[in-house]
N, C-alpha and C. Protein backbone atom coordinates (compact mmCIF):
# COMPACT_ATOMS: atom_id res chain seq x y z
N MET A 1 39.43 -5.25 30.40
CA MET A 1 38.93 -4.88 29.11
C MET A 1 39.51 -3.55 28.78
N ASP A 2 40.13 -3.23 27.68
CA ASP A 2 40.52 -1.88 27.43
C ASP A 2 39.40 -1.11 26.73
N ALA A 3 39.49 0.18 26.77
CA ALA A 3 38.43 1.03 26.32
C ALA A 3 38.36 0.85 24.78
N ALA A 4 39.34 0.56 24.05
CA ALA A 4 39.35 0.45 22.73
C ALA A 4 38.46 -0.67 22.18
N ASN A 5 38.31 -1.81 23.06
CA ASN A 5 37.56 -2.93 22.56
C ASN A 5 36.31 -2.91 23.31
N HIS A 6 35.88 -1.89 24.03
CA HIS A 6 34.62 -1.90 24.79
C HIS A 6 33.45 -1.70 23.81
N ASN A 7 32.35 -2.55 23.72
CA ASN A 7 31.22 -2.31 23.05
C ASN A 7 30.24 -1.68 24.08
N PRO A 8 29.72 -0.45 23.80
CA PRO A 8 28.79 -0.01 24.79
C PRO A 8 27.34 -0.68 24.81
N LEU A 9 27.02 -1.47 23.89
CA LEU A 9 25.87 -2.15 23.75
C LEU A 9 25.95 -3.36 24.55
N CYS A 10 27.21 -3.85 24.96
CA CYS A 10 27.23 -5.18 25.57
C CYS A 10 27.73 -4.78 27.03
N SER A 11 27.09 -5.69 28.00
CA SER A 11 27.55 -5.42 29.41
C SER A 11 28.59 -6.52 29.73
N ALA A 12 29.81 -6.06 30.01
CA ALA A 12 30.90 -7.02 30.29
C ALA A 12 30.83 -7.57 31.65
N GLU A 13 30.08 -6.99 32.66
CA GLU A 13 30.08 -7.24 33.93
C GLU A 13 29.10 -8.51 34.14
N THR A 14 27.91 -8.36 33.69
CA THR A 14 26.81 -9.43 33.84
C THR A 14 26.04 -9.65 32.61
N ASP A 15 25.29 -10.56 32.46
CA ASP A 15 24.40 -10.90 31.45
C ASP A 15 23.37 -10.05 31.67
N PRO A 16 22.63 -9.49 30.70
CA PRO A 16 21.50 -8.55 30.70
C PRO A 16 20.43 -9.26 31.28
N SER A 17 19.42 -8.59 32.11
CA SER A 17 18.25 -9.13 32.53
C SER A 17 17.06 -8.36 32.10
N ALA A 18 15.77 -8.86 32.41
CA ALA A 18 14.61 -8.33 31.79
C ALA A 18 13.73 -7.97 33.16
N THR A 19 13.01 -6.81 33.09
CA THR A 19 12.29 -6.47 34.01
C THR A 19 10.80 -6.10 33.60
N LYS A 20 9.82 -6.62 33.95
CA LYS A 20 8.54 -6.37 33.46
C LYS A 20 8.06 -4.89 33.85
N VAL A 21 7.43 -4.10 33.03
CA VAL A 21 6.99 -2.87 33.29
C VAL A 21 5.77 -2.82 33.81
N PRO A 22 5.59 -2.11 34.96
CA PRO A 22 4.50 -2.07 35.75
C PRO A 22 3.40 -1.30 34.99
N GLU A 23 2.20 -1.70 35.15
CA GLU A 23 1.01 -1.25 34.49
C GLU A 23 0.99 0.41 34.39
N GLY A 24 1.36 0.99 35.46
CA GLY A 24 1.28 2.52 35.48
C GLY A 24 2.36 3.19 34.60
N TYR A 25 3.26 2.38 34.06
CA TYR A 25 4.45 2.97 33.25
C TYR A 25 4.35 2.45 31.73
N ARG A 26 3.24 1.69 31.40
CA ARG A 26 3.10 1.16 30.17
C ARG A 26 3.08 2.08 28.92
N LEU A 27 2.33 3.24 29.33
CA LEU A 27 1.90 4.26 28.16
C LEU A 27 3.41 4.95 27.78
N ALA A 28 4.33 5.21 28.81
CA ALA A 28 5.55 5.89 28.48
C ALA A 28 6.64 5.00 27.90
N PHE A 29 6.39 3.51 27.91
CA PHE A 29 7.37 2.59 27.45
C PHE A 29 7.97 2.89 26.15
N LEU A 30 7.07 2.81 25.00
CA LEU A 30 7.53 2.85 23.54
C LEU A 30 8.14 4.07 23.37
N PRO A 31 7.44 5.38 23.84
CA PRO A 31 8.07 6.69 23.48
C PRO A 31 9.56 6.67 24.23
N ARG A 32 9.63 6.27 25.33
CA ARG A 32 10.74 6.29 25.94
C ARG A 32 11.95 5.71 25.31
N HIS A 33 11.57 4.43 24.75
CA HIS A 33 12.68 3.68 23.98
C HIS A 33 12.86 4.12 22.71
N PHE A 34 11.94 4.62 21.92
CA PHE A 34 11.89 4.79 20.52
C PHE A 34 11.57 6.21 20.18
N GLY A 35 11.28 7.23 20.95
CA GLY A 35 10.95 8.48 20.65
C GLY A 35 9.90 8.55 19.53
N PRO A 36 9.97 9.48 18.50
CA PRO A 36 8.97 9.58 17.61
C PRO A 36 8.61 8.43 16.70
N LEU A 37 9.39 7.34 16.73
CA LEU A 37 9.15 6.07 15.88
C LEU A 37 8.30 5.13 16.67
N PHE A 38 7.99 5.34 17.88
CA PHE A 38 7.27 4.47 18.76
C PHE A 38 6.21 3.67 18.06
N MET A 39 5.24 4.55 17.38
CA MET A 39 4.09 4.01 16.78
C MET A 39 4.44 2.91 15.63
N GLN A 40 5.49 3.38 14.88
CA GLN A 40 5.85 2.35 13.90
C GLN A 40 6.40 1.18 14.31
N VAL A 41 7.10 1.11 15.46
CA VAL A 41 7.94 0.08 16.29
C VAL A 41 6.54 -0.73 16.66
N GLU A 42 5.71 -0.24 17.19
CA GLU A 42 4.48 -1.11 17.89
C GLU A 42 3.81 -1.79 16.87
N SER A 43 3.37 -1.11 15.86
CA SER A 43 2.54 -1.73 14.89
C SER A 43 3.57 -2.69 14.21
N SER A 44 4.65 -2.56 13.95
CA SER A 44 5.58 -3.51 13.19
C SER A 44 5.78 -4.81 14.07
N ILE A 45 5.83 -4.65 15.37
CA ILE A 45 5.93 -5.86 16.26
C ILE A 45 4.62 -6.75 16.10
N TYR A 46 3.52 -6.09 16.15
CA TYR A 46 2.26 -6.82 15.96
C TYR A 46 2.02 -7.35 14.60
N GLU A 47 2.38 -6.68 13.46
CA GLU A 47 2.46 -7.27 12.13
C GLU A 47 3.41 -8.53 12.08
N HIS A 48 4.55 -8.60 12.64
CA HIS A 48 5.44 -9.54 12.52
C HIS A 48 5.00 -10.67 13.26
N MET A 49 4.46 -10.41 14.40
CA MET A 49 3.93 -11.63 15.15
C MET A 49 2.67 -12.29 14.33
N ARG A 50 1.79 -11.49 13.78
CA ARG A 50 0.92 -12.09 12.91
C ARG A 50 1.37 -12.93 11.75
N ASP A 51 2.63 -12.27 11.13
CA ASP A 51 3.30 -13.07 10.08
C ASP A 51 3.92 -14.32 10.53
N LEU A 52 4.68 -14.21 11.63
CA LEU A 52 5.32 -15.35 12.25
C LEU A 52 4.37 -16.54 12.72
N CYS A 53 3.28 -16.27 13.26
CA CYS A 53 2.35 -17.05 14.08
C CYS A 53 1.00 -17.06 13.47
N PRO A 54 0.64 -17.82 12.49
CA PRO A 54 -0.57 -17.81 11.91
C PRO A 54 -1.78 -17.90 12.79
N GLY A 55 -1.52 -18.62 14.01
CA GLY A 55 -2.51 -18.93 14.89
C GLY A 55 -2.82 -17.67 15.89
N TYR A 56 -2.00 -16.63 15.70
CA TYR A 56 -2.08 -15.66 16.69
C TYR A 56 -3.39 -14.67 16.37
N THR A 57 -4.14 -14.28 17.11
CA THR A 57 -5.32 -13.47 16.88
C THR A 57 -5.34 -12.24 17.66
N GLY A 58 -4.20 -12.01 18.30
CA GLY A 58 -4.31 -10.69 19.11
C GLY A 58 -4.34 -10.98 20.72
N GLY A 59 -4.13 -9.94 21.48
CA GLY A 59 -4.33 -10.24 22.98
C GLY A 59 -3.38 -9.17 23.71
N TYR A 60 -3.39 -9.49 25.04
CA TYR A 60 -2.48 -8.60 25.73
C TYR A 60 -1.13 -8.76 25.61
N TRP A 61 -0.31 -7.82 25.78
CA TRP A 61 1.29 -7.78 25.71
C TRP A 61 1.85 -7.27 26.85
N GLU A 62 2.93 -7.93 27.33
CA GLU A 62 3.72 -7.36 28.43
C GLU A 62 4.88 -6.60 27.74
N PHE A 63 5.40 -5.56 28.64
CA PHE A 63 6.39 -4.84 28.15
C PHE A 63 7.59 -5.13 29.06
N PHE A 64 8.80 -5.31 28.61
CA PHE A 64 10.03 -5.47 29.44
C PHE A 64 11.16 -4.53 29.05
N ASP A 65 11.76 -3.98 30.14
CA ASP A 65 12.99 -3.24 30.16
C ASP A 65 14.23 -4.12 30.32
N LEU A 66 15.18 -4.06 29.52
CA LEU A 66 16.45 -4.87 29.80
C LEU A 66 17.57 -4.00 30.44
N SER A 67 18.25 -4.43 31.38
CA SER A 67 19.33 -3.99 32.09
C SER A 67 20.41 -3.27 31.31
N ASN A 68 20.59 -3.77 29.96
CA ASN A 68 21.59 -3.19 29.09
C ASN A 68 20.97 -1.95 28.34
N GLY A 69 19.75 -1.53 28.64
CA GLY A 69 19.19 -0.46 27.95
C GLY A 69 18.11 -0.74 26.91
N GLY A 70 18.04 -1.97 26.43
CA GLY A 70 17.09 -2.39 25.54
C GLY A 70 15.78 -2.76 26.08
N CYS A 71 15.01 -3.39 25.29
CA CYS A 71 13.52 -3.55 25.61
C CYS A 71 12.95 -4.51 24.56
N TYR A 72 11.74 -5.20 24.94
CA TYR A 72 10.94 -5.77 24.01
C TYR A 72 9.53 -6.08 24.58
N MET A 73 8.61 -6.60 23.72
CA MET A 73 7.38 -6.62 24.08
C MET A 73 7.06 -8.35 23.81
N ALA A 74 6.05 -8.72 24.71
CA ALA A 74 5.80 -10.24 24.54
C ALA A 74 4.21 -10.43 24.68
N PRO A 75 3.61 -11.21 23.89
CA PRO A 75 2.16 -11.47 24.13
C PRO A 75 2.04 -12.52 25.38
N ALA A 76 1.04 -12.06 26.02
CA ALA A 76 0.64 -13.24 27.16
C ALA A 76 0.22 -14.43 26.65
N GLY A 77 0.77 -15.40 27.05
CA GLY A 77 0.14 -16.86 26.58
C GLY A 77 1.31 -17.85 26.73
N GLU A 78 0.66 -18.98 26.90
CA GLU A 78 1.75 -20.14 27.30
C GLU A 78 2.48 -20.34 26.04
N ALA A 79 1.95 -20.68 24.90
CA ALA A 79 3.02 -21.26 23.74
C ALA A 79 2.38 -20.64 22.43
N PHE A 80 3.37 -20.39 21.58
CA PHE A 80 2.96 -20.04 20.30
C PHE A 80 3.68 -20.91 19.17
N GLU A 81 3.01 -21.28 18.11
CA GLU A 81 3.71 -22.03 17.02
C GLU A 81 4.02 -20.87 16.16
N ILE A 82 5.51 -20.99 15.94
CA ILE A 82 6.14 -19.91 15.07
C ILE A 82 6.65 -20.52 13.75
N GLN A 83 6.32 -20.03 12.60
CA GLN A 83 6.86 -20.31 11.36
C GLN A 83 7.57 -19.10 10.74
N ALA A 84 8.72 -19.39 10.86
CA ALA A 84 9.68 -18.20 10.31
C ALA A 84 9.82 -18.30 8.92
N PRO A 85 10.18 -16.98 8.28
CA PRO A 85 10.56 -17.10 6.78
C PRO A 85 11.62 -18.06 6.20
N ASN A 86 12.58 -18.26 7.14
CA ASN A 86 13.79 -18.97 6.99
C ASN A 86 13.44 -20.50 6.98
N GLY A 87 12.19 -21.01 7.03
CA GLY A 87 11.79 -22.34 7.13
C GLY A 87 11.81 -22.95 8.47
N HIS A 88 12.02 -22.22 9.41
CA HIS A 88 12.16 -22.73 10.85
C HIS A 88 10.62 -22.73 11.37
N SER A 89 10.22 -23.80 12.14
CA SER A 89 9.07 -23.85 12.63
C SER A 89 9.29 -24.51 14.23
N GLY A 90 8.52 -24.04 15.02
CA GLY A 90 8.57 -24.70 16.34
C GLY A 90 7.63 -23.92 17.28
N THR A 91 7.55 -24.54 18.51
CA THR A 91 6.57 -23.85 19.57
C THR A 91 7.67 -23.37 20.54
N VAL A 92 7.15 -22.06 20.82
CA VAL A 92 7.78 -21.37 21.80
C VAL A 92 6.96 -20.67 22.81
N SER A 93 7.67 -20.15 23.97
CA SER A 93 6.88 -19.47 24.98
C SER A 93 6.30 -18.07 24.42
N GLY A 94 5.43 -17.52 24.98
CA GLY A 94 4.97 -16.10 24.70
C GLY A 94 6.16 -15.23 24.83
N ASP A 95 7.04 -15.40 25.80
CA ASP A 95 8.26 -14.57 26.01
C ASP A 95 9.18 -14.59 24.85
N ALA A 96 9.53 -15.71 24.43
CA ALA A 96 10.38 -16.05 23.18
C ALA A 96 9.83 -15.60 21.77
N ALA A 97 8.44 -15.80 21.78
CA ALA A 97 7.83 -15.31 20.62
C ALA A 97 7.64 -13.77 20.44
N GLY A 98 7.51 -13.16 21.68
CA GLY A 98 7.79 -11.58 21.64
C GLY A 98 9.17 -11.15 21.31
N ILE A 99 10.26 -12.00 21.85
CA ILE A 99 11.46 -11.59 21.42
C ILE A 99 11.80 -11.59 20.02
N ILE A 100 11.32 -12.73 19.42
CA ILE A 100 11.42 -13.05 17.88
C ILE A 100 10.68 -12.03 17.14
N ALA A 101 9.42 -11.70 17.62
CA ALA A 101 8.74 -10.64 16.66
C ALA A 101 9.53 -9.40 16.88
N THR A 102 9.77 -8.93 18.13
CA THR A 102 10.46 -7.59 18.38
C THR A 102 11.86 -7.50 17.52
N LEU A 103 12.57 -8.62 17.57
CA LEU A 103 13.84 -8.49 16.76
C LEU A 103 13.59 -8.58 15.21
N TYR A 104 12.59 -9.11 14.58
CA TYR A 104 12.22 -8.90 13.33
C TYR A 104 11.97 -7.57 13.04
N ALA A 105 10.84 -7.12 13.75
CA ALA A 105 10.54 -5.77 13.78
C ALA A 105 11.60 -4.75 13.74
N LEU A 106 12.57 -4.72 14.75
CA LEU A 106 13.49 -3.78 14.80
C LEU A 106 14.54 -3.88 13.64
N SER A 107 14.68 -5.12 13.16
CA SER A 107 15.70 -5.44 12.04
C SER A 107 15.06 -4.58 10.72
N HIS A 108 13.84 -4.91 10.46
CA HIS A 108 13.27 -4.28 9.35
C HIS A 108 13.18 -2.86 9.31
N LEU A 109 12.79 -2.17 10.56
CA LEU A 109 12.67 -0.75 10.71
C LEU A 109 13.97 -0.28 10.60
N ALA A 110 15.13 -0.88 11.17
CA ALA A 110 16.34 -0.20 11.16
C ALA A 110 16.81 0.03 9.44
N PHE A 111 16.35 -0.93 8.61
CA PHE A 111 16.76 -0.73 7.26
C PHE A 111 15.86 0.46 6.69
N ARG A 112 14.61 0.39 7.20
CA ARG A 112 13.62 1.58 6.65
C ARG A 112 13.97 2.82 7.09
N PHE A 113 14.51 3.03 8.36
CA PHE A 113 14.89 4.38 8.93
C PHE A 113 16.35 4.27 9.39
N GLU A 114 17.20 4.34 8.25
CA GLU A 114 18.53 4.13 8.55
C GLU A 114 19.18 5.24 9.36
N ASP A 115 18.62 6.47 9.51
CA ASP A 115 19.29 7.35 10.30
C ASP A 115 18.92 7.27 11.77
N ALA A 116 17.92 6.45 12.13
CA ALA A 116 17.50 6.09 13.42
C ALA A 116 18.37 5.06 14.11
N THR A 117 19.48 5.56 14.74
CA THR A 117 20.34 4.29 15.04
C THR A 117 19.65 3.77 16.43
N VAL A 118 18.67 4.53 16.97
CA VAL A 118 18.19 3.76 18.11
C VAL A 118 17.57 2.49 17.79
N LEU A 119 16.98 2.20 16.68
CA LEU A 119 16.55 0.93 16.18
C LEU A 119 17.59 -0.19 16.15
N SER A 120 18.77 0.11 15.55
CA SER A 120 19.84 -0.98 15.60
C SER A 120 20.37 -1.15 16.92
N ASP A 121 20.46 0.02 17.73
CA ASP A 121 20.92 -0.29 19.21
C ASP A 121 20.01 -1.09 19.89
N ARG A 122 18.63 -0.97 19.76
CA ARG A 122 17.79 -1.73 20.61
C ARG A 122 17.81 -3.25 20.10
N PHE A 123 18.10 -3.25 18.60
CA PHE A 123 18.18 -4.72 18.24
C PHE A 123 19.30 -5.40 18.78
N HIS A 124 20.43 -4.83 18.82
CA HIS A 124 21.66 -5.36 19.44
C HIS A 124 21.52 -5.62 20.84
N GLN A 125 20.79 -4.78 21.66
CA GLN A 125 20.63 -5.06 22.97
C GLN A 125 19.68 -6.20 23.30
N LEU A 126 18.73 -6.28 22.49
CA LEU A 126 17.68 -7.49 22.63
C LEU A 126 18.49 -8.67 22.20
N ARG A 127 19.11 -8.68 21.14
CA ARG A 127 19.90 -9.79 20.64
C ARG A 127 20.87 -10.38 21.82
N GLU A 128 21.49 -9.49 22.34
CA GLU A 128 22.47 -9.87 23.53
C GLU A 128 21.65 -10.59 24.75
N PHE A 129 20.47 -9.99 25.05
CA PHE A 129 19.55 -10.70 26.00
C PHE A 129 19.25 -12.06 25.60
N ALA A 130 18.87 -12.13 24.30
CA ALA A 130 18.35 -13.34 23.79
C ALA A 130 19.38 -14.53 23.75
N MET A 131 20.58 -14.21 23.69
CA MET A 131 21.75 -15.14 23.82
C MET A 131 21.68 -15.92 25.10
N GLU A 132 21.19 -15.35 25.98
CA GLU A 132 21.21 -16.00 27.37
C GLU A 132 19.71 -16.53 27.82
N HIS A 133 18.76 -16.35 26.96
CA HIS A 133 17.44 -16.80 27.25
C HIS A 133 17.34 -18.25 27.01
N ARG A 134 16.43 -18.80 27.97
CA ARG A 134 16.37 -20.26 28.12
C ARG A 134 15.94 -20.87 26.78
N GLU A 135 15.24 -20.12 25.75
CA GLU A 135 15.04 -20.51 24.58
C GLU A 135 15.86 -20.05 23.59
N ALA A 136 17.09 -19.68 23.83
CA ALA A 136 17.95 -19.11 22.78
C ALA A 136 18.05 -19.88 21.58
N VAL A 137 18.10 -21.08 21.58
CA VAL A 137 18.39 -21.93 20.34
C VAL A 137 17.15 -21.61 19.43
N MET A 138 16.03 -21.89 20.16
CA MET A 138 14.78 -21.63 19.22
C MET A 138 14.62 -20.12 18.59
N ILE A 139 14.94 -19.24 19.35
CA ILE A 139 15.07 -17.80 19.01
C ILE A 139 15.78 -17.55 17.77
N PHE A 140 17.05 -18.01 17.96
CA PHE A 140 18.19 -17.72 17.02
C PHE A 140 17.87 -18.66 15.71
N GLU A 141 17.27 -19.88 15.82
CA GLU A 141 16.93 -20.69 14.64
C GLU A 141 15.79 -19.83 13.88
N ALA A 142 14.94 -18.99 14.55
CA ALA A 142 13.96 -18.36 13.95
C ALA A 142 14.34 -17.15 13.25
N ILE A 143 15.47 -16.46 13.79
CA ILE A 143 15.71 -15.24 13.22
C ILE A 143 16.95 -15.34 12.35
N ASP A 144 17.70 -16.41 12.36
CA ASP A 144 18.93 -16.58 11.54
C ASP A 144 18.63 -17.14 10.28
């Protein structure tokens, strides 16, 4: 690959992978990824989850770092019924529900805070990861 066509947000070597953040590192997770916007990101993810999943009532969330520099949050739980604004509905795992909610939040916030390129960077990094997820079809049906 020549340098002119290299996208720094995409890993040409391997597909991105996710690593669950250990309990002792959770407090630093959002500030590390989003700096001063971390509270807006966190509240937006929870808000989008409530909007996407009418049966969601809150609970414990896991945090994940991606090998490509991205991240996401996912609610602990077996399955969630998603009802996306585009008309898509279906049942997904907690992991996929978190990816969907995080992608929605990052997209909306990237338009709200246009100068904060970290939001669009994290969106594209998570989208790259989602392309290889076992529930990629459901994720992309919900976000497109």
